[in-house]
Structures are given as structure tokens and as C-alpha cells.
Amino acid sequence: MTPAQYDAIQKRYESNLTKRDLGFGIVSSTIANCNRNPKKRPKPFEAKDFMPVYKEQKKLKKSPDELLHYFQNFVVPRFERADKTQGA
């Protein structure tokens, strides 16, 4: 797997988690807004208020050198360790 392929898989995984959490956040905010006291809380709830980890989607482009560095220092050693333990 190339560094670019790994990065694409990681982004897809994080995107799926965000979509799942957004669905729960929408339902939760709808229920909370139906039962909200406008005098005590004038601002309505938003979906992100109920999402455990909410990050604004930022388009961070990594250079090929950064991806290669990450791949060589973090991904490859883990696969090498896994190969050694499976072969033993």
C-alpha cells in the first residue's frame, strides 16, 4: 500500500465516523430543541453539541514527502512487527 492509498483510506474512515456521529447529533438536537426552555436557553442546540468529537472539516494537503515520512516511520514498522509475530 502506498502512502497516498493509506491516507485516502484513513480519510474515508474518518469521514464515515463523522457522518455517523452527525446523524445521532441531528436526532439528539431535535429532541433537545423540542424540550428546550427558550427563556433559559435562547440559543437552540446544534448537532455538533451532541457529537463526541467534532472537528471542522479542513482541507489539509500533505506533501508527498510528509506522507512518505509518515508511512516509513509509523506504518511499515507496525507491519514488520506483525509479520515477525505471525511467523513465529
PDB file of N, CA and C in Angstrom:
ATOM      1  N   MET A   1       0.851  -1.169   0.000  1.00  0.00           N
ATOM      2  CA  MET A   1       0.000   0.000   0.000  1.00  0.00           C
ATOM      3  C   MET A   1       0.899   1.235   0.000  1.00  0.00           C
ATOM      4  N   THR A   2       0.592   2.163  -0.862  1.00  0.00           N
ATOM      5  CA  THR A   2       1.388   3.385  -0.933  1.00  0.00           C
ATOM      6  C   THR A   2       0.925   4.370   0.141  1.00  0.00           C
ATOM      7  N   PRO A   3       1.756   5.350   0.463  1.00  0.00           N
ATOM      8  CA  PRO A   3       1.342   6.351   1.450  1.00  0.00           C
ATOM      9  C   PRO A   3       0.061   7.089   1.041  1.00  0.00           C
ATOM     10  N   ALA A   4      -0.085   7.384  -0.227  1.00  0.00           N
ATOM     11  CA  ALA A   4      -1.282   8.082  -0.696  1.00  0.00           C
ATOM     12  C   ALA A   4      -2.521   7.210  -0.515  1.00  0.00           C
ATOM     13  N   GLN A   5      -2.394   5.913  -0.774  1.00  0.00           N
ATOM     14  CA  GLN A   5      -3.523   4.997  -0.592  1.00  0.00           C
ATOM     15  C   GLN A   5      -3.894   4.901   0.886  1.00  0.00           C
ATOM     16  N   TYR A   6      -2.895   4.820   1.744  1.00  0.00           N
ATOM     17  CA  TYR A   6      -3.158   4.755   3.179  1.00  0.00           C
ATOM     18  C   TYR A   6      -3.861   6.025   3.654  1.00  0.00           C
ATOM     19  N   ASP A   7      -3.393   7.171   3.196  1.00  0.00           N
ATOM     20  CA  ASP A   7      -4.006   8.447   3.570  1.00  0.00           C
ATOM     21  C   ASP A   7      -5.456   8.503   3.096  1.00  0.00           C
ATOM     22  N   ALA A   8      -5.726   8.013   1.899  1.00  0.00           N
ATOM     23  CA  ALA A   8      -7.093   8.015   1.376  1.00  0.00           C
ATOM     24  C   ALA A   8      -8.002   7.114   2.211  1.00  0.00           C
ATOM     25  N   ILE A   9      -7.513   5.957   2.616  1.00  0.00           N
ATOM     26  CA  ILE A   9      -8.311   5.046   3.452  1.00  0.00           C
ATOM     27  C   ILE A   9      -8.581   5.678   4.809  1.00  0.00           C
ATOM     28  N   GLN A  10      -7.582   6.332   5.374  1.00  0.00           N
ATOM     29  CA  GLN A  10      -7.750   6.983   6.677  1.00  0.00           C
ATOM     30  C   GLN A  10      -8.788   8.100   6.591  1.00  0.00           C
ATOM     31  N   LYS A  11      -8.750   8.905   5.538  1.00  0.00           N
ATOM     32  CA  LYS A  11      -9.734   9.984   5.363  1.00  0.00           C
ATOM     33  C   LYS A  11     -11.135   9.425   5.200  1.00  0.00           C
ATOM     34  N   ARG A  12     -11.264   8.336   4.477  1.00  0.00           N
ATOM     35  CA  ARG A  12     -12.576   7.723   4.273  1.00  0.00           C
ATOM     36  C   ARG A  12     -13.138   7.196   5.588  1.00  0.00           C
ATOM     37  N   TYR A  13     -12.303   6.585   6.385  1.00  0.00           N
ATOM     38  CA  TYR A  13     -12.721   6.067   7.686  1.00  0.00           C
ATOM     39  C   TYR A  13     -13.197   7.211   8.588  1.00  0.00           C
ATOM     40  N   GLU A  14     -12.407   8.288   8.662  1.00  0.00           N
ATOM     41  CA  GLU A  14     -12.787   9.433   9.495  1.00  0.00           C
ATOM     42  C   GLU A  14     -14.072  10.081   8.987  1.00  0.00           C
ATOM     43  N   SER A  15     -14.253  10.124   7.685  1.00  0.00           N
ATOM     44  CA  SER A  15     -15.471  10.694   7.105  1.00  0.00           C
ATOM     45  C   SER A  15     -16.692   9.860   7.493  1.00  0.00           C
ATOM     46  N   ASN A  16     -16.553   8.542   7.483  1.00  0.00           N
ATOM     47  CA  ASN A  16     -17.662   7.675   7.873  1.00  0.00           C
ATOM     48  C   ASN A  16     -18.020   7.863   9.348  1.00  0.00           C
ATOM     49  N   LEU A  17     -17.018   8.035  10.204  1.00  0.00           N
ATOM     50  CA  LEU A  17     -17.291   8.279  11.615  1.00  0.00           C
ATOM     51  C   LEU A  17     -18.032   9.598  11.812  1.00  0.00           C
ATOM     52  N   THR A  18     -17.611  10.626  11.084  1.00  0.00           N
ATOM     53  CA  THR A  18     -18.250  11.935  11.201  1.00  0.00           C
ATOM     54  C   THR A  18     -19.697  11.867  10.722  1.00  0.00           C
ATOM     55  N   LYS A  19     -19.956  11.167   9.632  1.00  0.00           N
ATOM     56  CA  LYS A  19     -21.329  11.027   9.126  1.00  0.00           C
ATOM     57  C   LYS A  19     -22.215  10.309  10.137  1.00  0.00           C
ATOM     58  N   ARG A  20     -21.675   9.268  10.747  1.00  0.00           N
ATOM     59  CA  ARG A  20     -22.448   8.521  11.736  1.00  0.00           C
ATOM     60  C   ARG A  20     -22.775   9.399  12.939  1.00  0.00           C
ATOM     61  N   ASP A  21     -21.771  10.106  13.438  1.00  0.00           N
ATOM     62  CA  ASP A  21     -21.984  10.982  14.588  1.00  0.00           C
ATOM     63  C   ASP A  21     -22.928  12.128  14.253  1.00  0.00           C
ATOM     64  N   LEU A  22     -22.880  12.626  13.032  1.00  0.00           N
ATOM     65  CA  LEU A  22     -23.760  13.709  12.624  1.00  0.00           C
ATOM     66  C   LEU A  22     -25.218  13.268  12.667  1.00  0.00           C
ATOM     67  N   GLY A  23     -25.501  12.056  12.245  1.00  0.00           N
ATOM     68  CA  GLY A  23     -26.870  11.539  12.300  1.00  0.00           C
ATOM     69  C   GLY A  23     -27.408  11.512  13.719  1.00  0.00           C
ATOM     70  N   PHE A  24     -26.600  11.012  14.643  1.00  0.00           N
ATOM     71  CA  PHE A  24     -27.017  10.992  16.044  1.00  0.00           C
ATOM     72  C   PHE A  24     -27.145  12.404  16.600  1.00  0.00           C
ATOM     73  N   GLY A  25     -26.258  13.298  16.176  1.00  0.00           N
ATOM     74  CA  GLY A  25     -26.304  14.681  16.639  1.00  0.00           C
ATOM     75  C   GLY A  25     -27.562  15.399  16.184  1.00  0.00           C
ATOM     76  N   ILE A  26     -27.998  15.126  14.969  1.00  0.00           N
ATOM     77  CA  ILE A  26     -29.217  15.755  14.448  1.00  0.00           C
ATOM     78  C   ILE A  26     -30.435  15.291  15.242  1.00  0.00           C
ATOM     79  N   VAL A  27     -30.525  14.002  15.469  1.00  0.00           N
ATOM     80  CA  VAL A  27     -31.656  13.466  16.228  1.00  0.00           C
ATOM     81  C   VAL A  27     -31.643  14.016  17.661  1.00  0.00           C
ATOM     82  N   SER A  28     -30.477  14.013  18.282  1.00  0.00           N
ATOM     83  CA  SER A  28     -30.369  14.499  19.664  1.00  0.00           C
ATOM     84  C   SER A  28     -30.702  15.981  19.764  1.00  0.00           C
ATOM     85  N   SER A  29     -30.222  16.780  18.824  1.00  0.00           N
ATOM     86  CA  SER A  29     -30.505  18.219  18.879  1.00  0.00           C
ATOM     87  C   SER A  29     -31.975  18.502  18.622  1.00  0.00           C
ATOM     88  N   THR A  30     -32.611  17.715  17.782  1.00  0.00           N
ATOM     89  CA  THR A  30     -34.044  17.889  17.529  1.00  0.00           C
ATOM     90  C   THR A  30     -34.847  17.620  18.795  1.00  0.00           C
ATOM     91  N   ILE A  31     -34.534  16.528  19.474  1.00  0.00           N
ATOM     92  CA  ILE A  31     -35.239  16.196  20.717  1.00  0.00           C
ATOM     93  C   ILE A  31     -34.980  17.263  21.775  1.00  0.00           C
ATOM     94  N   ALA A  32     -33.721  17.690  21.896  1.00  0.00           N
ATOM     95  CA  ALA A  32     -33.384  18.704  22.900  1.00  0.00           C
ATOM     96  C   ALA A  32     -34.071  20.036  22.592  1.00  0.00           C
ATOM     97  N   ASN A  33     -34.164  20.404  21.331  1.00  0.00           N
ATOM     98  CA  ASN A  33     -34.810  21.671  20.980  1.00  0.00           C
ATOM     99  C   ASN A  33     -36.319  21.630  21.201  1.00  0.00           C
ATOM    100  N   CYS A  34     -36.918  20.463  21.050  1.00  0.00           N
ATOM    101  CA  CYS A  34     -38.351  20.334  21.325  1.00  0.00           C
ATOM    102  C   CYS A  34     -38.647  20.527  22.811  1.00  0.00           C
ATOM    103  N   ASN A  35     -37.710  20.156  23.657  1.00  0.00           N
ATOM    104  CA  ASN A  35     -37.899  20.243  25.101  1.00  0.00           C
ATOM    105  C   ASN A  35     -37.129  21.405  25.736  1.00  0.00           C
ATOM    106  N   ARG A  36     -36.608  22.295  24.924  1.00  0.00           N
ATOM    107  CA  ARG A  36     -35.788  23.408  25.408  1.00  0.00           C
ATOM    108  C   ARG A  36     -36.674  24.531  25.934  1.00  0.00           C
ATOM    109  N   ASN A  37     -36.245  25.128  27.022  1.00  0.00           N
ATOM    110  CA  ASN A  37     -36.932  26.304  27.557  1.00  0.00           C
ATOM    111  C   ASN A  37     -36.283  27.540  26.927  1.00  0.00           C
ATOM    112  N   PRO A  38     -36.994  28.251  26.030  1.00  0.00           N
ATOM    113  CA  PRO A  38     -36.380  29.375  25.324  1.00  0.00           C
ATOM    114  C   PRO A  38     -35.948  30.515  26.240  1.00  0.00           C
ATOM    115  N   LYS A  39     -36.534  30.595  27.422  1.00  0.00           N
ATOM    116  CA  LYS A  39     -36.130  31.658  28.356  1.00  0.00           C
ATOM    117  C   LYS A  39     -34.794  31.330  29.018  1.00  0.00           C
ATOM    118  N   LYS A  40     -34.597  30.059  29.344  1.00  0.00           N
ATOM    119  CA  LYS A  40     -33.344  29.653  29.978  1.00  0.00           C
ATOM    120  C   LYS A  40     -32.221  29.462  28.966  1.00  0.00           C
ATOM    121  N   ARG A  41     -32.578  28.994  27.799  1.00  0.00           N
ATOM    122  CA  ARG A  41     -31.579  28.785  26.746  1.00  0.00           C
ATOM    123  C   ARG A  41     -32.131  29.343  25.438  1.00  0.00           C
ATOM    124  N   PRO A  42     -31.862  30.620  25.164  1.00  0.00           N
ATOM    125  CA  PRO A  42     -32.410  31.224  23.950  1.00  0.00           C
ATOM    126  C   PRO A  42     -31.795  30.665  22.665  1.00  0.00           C
ATOM    127  N   LYS A  43     -30.552  30.234  22.744  1.00  0.00           N
ATOM    128  CA  LYS A  43     -29.882  29.697  21.553  1.00  0.00           C
ATOM    129  C   LYS A  43     -30.236  28.218  21.388  1.00  0.00           C
ATOM    130  N   PRO A  44     -30.728  27.822  20.220  1.00  0.00           N
ATOM    131  CA  PRO A  44     -31.062  26.405  20.016  1.00  0.00           C
ATOM    132  C   PRO A  44     -29.815  25.517  19.987  1.00  0.00           C
ATOM    133  N   PHE A  45     -30.015  24.256  20.301  1.00  0.00           N
ATOM    134  CA  PHE A  45     -28.928  23.283  20.230  1.00  0.00           C
ATOM    135  C   PHE A  45     -28.595  23.012  18.772  1.00  0.00           C
ATOM    136  N   GLU A  46     -27.351  22.658  18.544  1.00  0.00           N
ATOM    137  CA  GLU A  46     -26.901  22.260  17.212  1.00  0.00           C
ATOM    138  C   GLU A  46     -26.439  20.809  17.270  1.00  0.00           C
ATOM    139  N   ALA A  47     -26.367  20.179  16.113  1.00  0.00           N
ATOM    140  CA  ALA A  47     -25.939  18.780  16.055  1.00  0.00           C
ATOM    141  C   ALA A  47     -24.549  18.600  16.648  1.00  0.00           C
ATOM    142  N   LYS A  48     -23.658  19.556  16.406  1.00  0.00           N
ATOM    143  CA  LYS A  48     -22.278  19.409  16.909  1.00  0.00           C
ATOM    144  C   LYS A  48     -22.198  19.447  18.433  1.00  0.00           C
ATOM    145  N   ASP A  49     -23.244  19.981  19.090  1.00  0.00           N
ATOM    146  CA  ASP A  49     -23.263  19.977  20.555  1.00  0.00           C
ATOM    147  C   ASP A  49     -23.352  18.551  21.108  1.00  0.00           C
ATOM    148  N   PHE A  50     -23.810  17.623  20.312  1.00  0.00           N
ATOM    149  CA  PHE A  50     -24.012  16.239  20.755  1.00  0.00           C
ATOM    150  C   PHE A  50     -23.037  15.263  20.104  1.00  0.00           C
ATOM    151  N   MET A  51     -22.086  15.788  19.359  1.00  0.00           N
ATOM    152  CA  MET A  51     -21.098  14.925  18.713  1.00  0.00           C
ATOM    153  C   MET A  51     -19.875  14.819  19.628  1.00  0.00           C
ATOM    154  N   PRO A  52     -19.441  13.600  19.953  1.00  0.00           N
ATOM    155  CA  PRO A  52     -18.325  13.438  20.881  1.00  0.00           C
ATOM    156  C   PRO A  52     -17.048  14.137  20.406  1.00  0.00           C
ATOM    157  N   VAL A  53     -16.749  13.984  19.158  1.00  0.00           N
ATOM    158  CA  VAL A  53     -15.562  14.633  18.599  1.00  0.00           C
ATOM    159  C   VAL A  53     -16.002  15.365  17.349  1.00  0.00           C
ATOM    160  N   TYR A  54     -15.984  16.682  17.453  1.00  0.00           N
ATOM    161  CA  TYR A  54     -16.414  17.469  16.307  1.00  0.00           C
ATOM    162  C   TYR A  54     -15.245  18.311  15.840  1.00  0.00           C
ATOM    163  N   LYS A  55     -14.894  18.126  14.595  1.00  0.00           N
ATOM    164  CA  LYS A  55     -13.835  18.930  14.006  1.00  0.00           C
ATOM    165  C   LYS A  55     -14.387  19.553  12.737  1.00  0.00           C
ATOM    166  N   GLU A  56     -14.121  20.806  12.550  1.00  0.00           N
ATOM    167  CA  GLU A  56     -14.470  21.420  11.283  1.00  0.00           C
ATOM    168  C   GLU A  56     -13.627  20.735  10.212  1.00  0.00           C
ATOM    169  N   GLN A  57     -14.254  20.437   9.104  1.00  0.00           N
ATOM    170  CA  GLN A  57     -13.523  19.787   8.031  1.00  0.00           C
ATOM    171  C   GLN A  57     -12.571  20.798   7.392  1.00  0.00           C
ATOM    172  N   LYS A  58     -11.309  20.534   7.534  1.00  0.00           N
ATOM    173  CA  LYS A  58     -10.300  21.399   6.932  1.00  0.00           C
ATOM    174  C   LYS A  58      -9.593  20.602   5.858  1.00  0.00           C
ATOM    175  N   LYS A  59      -9.360  21.245   4.773  1.00  0.00           N
ATOM    176  CA  LYS A  59      -8.657  20.589   3.685  1.00  0.00           C
ATOM    177  C   LYS A  59      -7.160  20.803   3.900  1.00  0.00           C
ATOM    178  N   LEU A  60      -6.557  19.858   4.580  1.00  0.00           N
ATOM    179  CA  LEU A  60      -5.124  19.912   4.804  1.00  0.00           C
ATOM    180  C   LEU A  60      -4.456  19.013   3.781  1.00  0.00           C
ATOM    181  N   LYS A  61      -3.671  19.603   2.955  1.00  0.00           N
ATOM    182  CA  LYS A  61      -2.980  18.806   1.953  1.00  0.00           C
ATOM    183  C   LYS A  61      -1.585  18.497   2.460  1.00  0.00           C
ATOM    184  N   LYS A  62      -1.284  17.233   2.459  1.00  0.00           N
ATOM    185  CA  LYS A  62       0.039  16.807   2.885  1.00  0.00           C
ATOM    186  C   LYS A  62       0.897  16.625   1.647  1.00  0.00           C
ATOM    187  N   SER A  63       2.139  17.010   1.784  1.00  0.00           N
ATOM    188  CA  SER A  63       3.052  16.850   0.658  1.00  0.00           C
ATOM    189  C   SER A  63       3.422  15.369   0.536  1.00  0.00           C
ATOM    190  N   PRO A  64       3.856  14.963  -0.638  1.00  0.00           N
ATOM    191  CA  PRO A  64       4.291  13.562  -0.801  1.00  0.00           C
ATOM    192  C   PRO A  64       5.410  13.185   0.169  1.00  0.00           C
ATOM    193  N   ASP A  65       6.299  14.139   0.471  1.00  0.00           N
ATOM    194  CA  ASP A  65       7.384  13.845   1.417  1.00  0.00           C
ATOM    195  C   ASP A  65       6.845  13.581   2.819  1.00  0.00           C
ATOM    196  N   GLU A  66       5.827  14.355   3.239  1.00  0.00           N
ATOM    197  CA  GLU A  66       5.228  14.142   4.557  1.00  0.00           C
ATOM    198  C   GLU A  66       4.533  12.788   4.632  1.00  0.00           C
ATOM    199  N   LEU A  67       3.835  12.431   3.569  1.00  0.00           N
ATOM    200  CA  LEU A  67       3.170  11.123   3.534  1.00  0.00           C
ATOM    201  C   LEU A  67       4.182   9.984   3.566  1.00  0.00           C
ATOM    202  N   LEU A  68       5.267  10.131   2.820  1.00  0.00           N
ATOM    203  CA  LEU A  68       6.297   9.102   2.793  1.00  0.00           C
ATOM    204  C   LEU A  68       6.950   8.956   4.170  1.00  0.00           C
ATOM    205  N   HIS A  69       7.223  10.081   4.819  1.00  0.00           N
ATOM    206  CA  HIS A  69       7.817  10.054   6.160  1.00  0.00           C
ATOM    207  C   HIS A  69       6.889   9.328   7.143  1.00  0.00           C
ATOM    208  N   TYR A  70       5.609   9.660   7.108  1.00  0.00           N
ATOM    209  CA  TYR A  70       4.635   9.005   7.990  1.00  0.00           C
ATOM    210  C   TYR A  70       4.584   7.505   7.703  1.00  0.00           C
ATOM    211  N   PHE A  71       4.524   7.150   6.447  1.00  0.00           N
ATOM    212  CA  PHE A  71       4.421   5.749   6.055  1.00  0.00           C
ATOM    213  C   PHE A  71       5.640   4.962   6.512  1.00  0.00           C
ATOM    214  N   GLN A  72       6.825   5.509   6.260  1.00  0.00           N
ATOM    215  CA  GLN A  72       8.059   4.795   6.603  1.00  0.00           C
ATOM    216  C   GLN A  72       8.280   4.693   8.112  1.00  0.00           C
ATOM    217  N   ASN A  73       7.841   5.695   8.870  1.00  0.00           N
ATOM    218  CA  ASN A  73       8.124   5.708  10.299  1.00  0.00           C
ATOM    219  C   ASN A  73       7.026   5.113  11.178  1.00  0.00           C
ATOM    220  N   PHE A  74       5.816   5.031  10.658  1.00  0.00           N
ATOM    221  CA  PHE A  74       4.728   4.542  11.500  1.00  0.00           C
ATOM    222  C   PHE A  74       4.044   3.302  10.937  1.00  0.00           C
ATOM    223  N   VAL A  75       3.817   3.264   9.657  1.00  0.00           N
ATOM    224  CA  VAL A  75       3.058   2.155   9.076  1.00  0.00           C
ATOM    225  C   VAL A  75       3.950   0.934   8.850  1.00  0.00           C
ATOM    226  N   VAL A  76       5.070   1.112   8.192  1.00  0.00           N
ATOM    227  CA  VAL A  76       5.948  -0.014   7.863  1.00  0.00           C
ATOM    228  C   VAL A  76       6.429  -0.748   9.118  1.00  0.00           C
ATOM    229  N   PRO A  77       6.898  -0.045  10.164  1.00  0.00           N
ATOM    230  CA  PRO A  77       7.344  -0.794  11.359  1.00  0.00           C
ATOM    231  C   PRO A  77       6.239  -1.647  11.982  1.00  0.00           C
ATOM    232  N   ARG A  78       5.014  -1.176  11.947  1.00  0.00           N
ATOM    233  CA  ARG A  78       3.918  -1.972  12.517  1.00  0.00           C
ATOM    234  C   ARG A  78       3.685  -3.243  11.710  1.00  0.00           C
ATOM    235  N   PHE A  79       3.759  -3.137  10.385  1.00  0.00           N
ATOM    236  CA  PHE A  79       3.581  -4.330   9.556  1.00  0.00           C
ATOM    237  C   PHE A  79       4.737  -5.295   9.737  1.00  0.00           C
ATOM    238  N   GLU A  80       5.947  -4.770   9.910  1.00  0.00           N
ATOM    239  CA  GLU A  80       7.102  -5.641  10.119  1.00  0.00           C
ATOM    240  C   GLU A  80       6.972  -6.400  11.440  1.00  0.00           C
ATOM    241  N   ARG A  81       6.508  -5.710  12.489  1.00  0.00           N
ATOM    242  CA  ARG A  81       6.302  -6.379  13.768  1.00  0.00           C
ATOM    243  C   ARG A  81       5.229  -7.445  13.664  1.00  0.00           C
ATOM    244  N   ALA A  82       4.169  -7.156  12.928  1.00  0.00           N
ATOM    245  CA  ALA A  82       3.082  -8.118  12.764  1.00  0.00           C
ATOM    246  C   ALA A  82       3.569  -9.348  12.007  1.00  0.00           C
ATOM    247  N   ASP A  83       4.405  -9.126  10.987  1.00  0.00           N
ATOM    248  CA  ASP A  83       4.935 -10.256  10.220  1.00  0.00           C
ATOM    249  C   ASP A  83       5.816 -11.143  11.091  1.00  0.00           C
ATOM    250  N   LYS A  84       6.610 -10.535  11.965  1.00  0.00           N
ATOM    251  CA  LYS A  84       7.501 -11.317  12.831  1.00  0.00           C
ATOM    252  C   LYS A  84       6.714 -12.137  13.834  1.00  0.00           C
ATOM    253  N   THR A  85       5.647 -11.572  14.371  1.00  0.00           N
ATOM    254  CA  THR A  85       4.869 -12.305  15.370  1.00  0.00           C
ATOM    255  C   THR A  85       4.047 -13.415  14.725  1.00  0.00           C
ATOM    256  N   GLN A  86       3.600 -13.190  13.499  1.00  0.00           N
ATOM    257  CA  GLN A  86       2.798 -14.233  12.830  1.00  0.00           C
ATOM    258  C   GLN A  86       3.669 -15.385  12.356  1.00  0.00           C
ATOM    259  N   GLY A  87       4.917 -15.058  12.013  1.00  0.00           N
ATOM    260  CA  GLY A  87       5.825 -16.100  11.520  1.00  0.00           C
ATOM    261  C   GLY A  87       6.391 -16.963  12.632  1.00  0.00           C
ATOM    262  N   ALA A  88       6.309 -16.486  13.869  1.00  0.00           N
ATOM    263  CA  ALA A  88       6.904 -17.221  14.986  1.00  0.00           C
ATOM    264  C   ALA A  88       5.997 -18.319  15.484  1.00  0.00           C
TER     265      ALA A  88
END
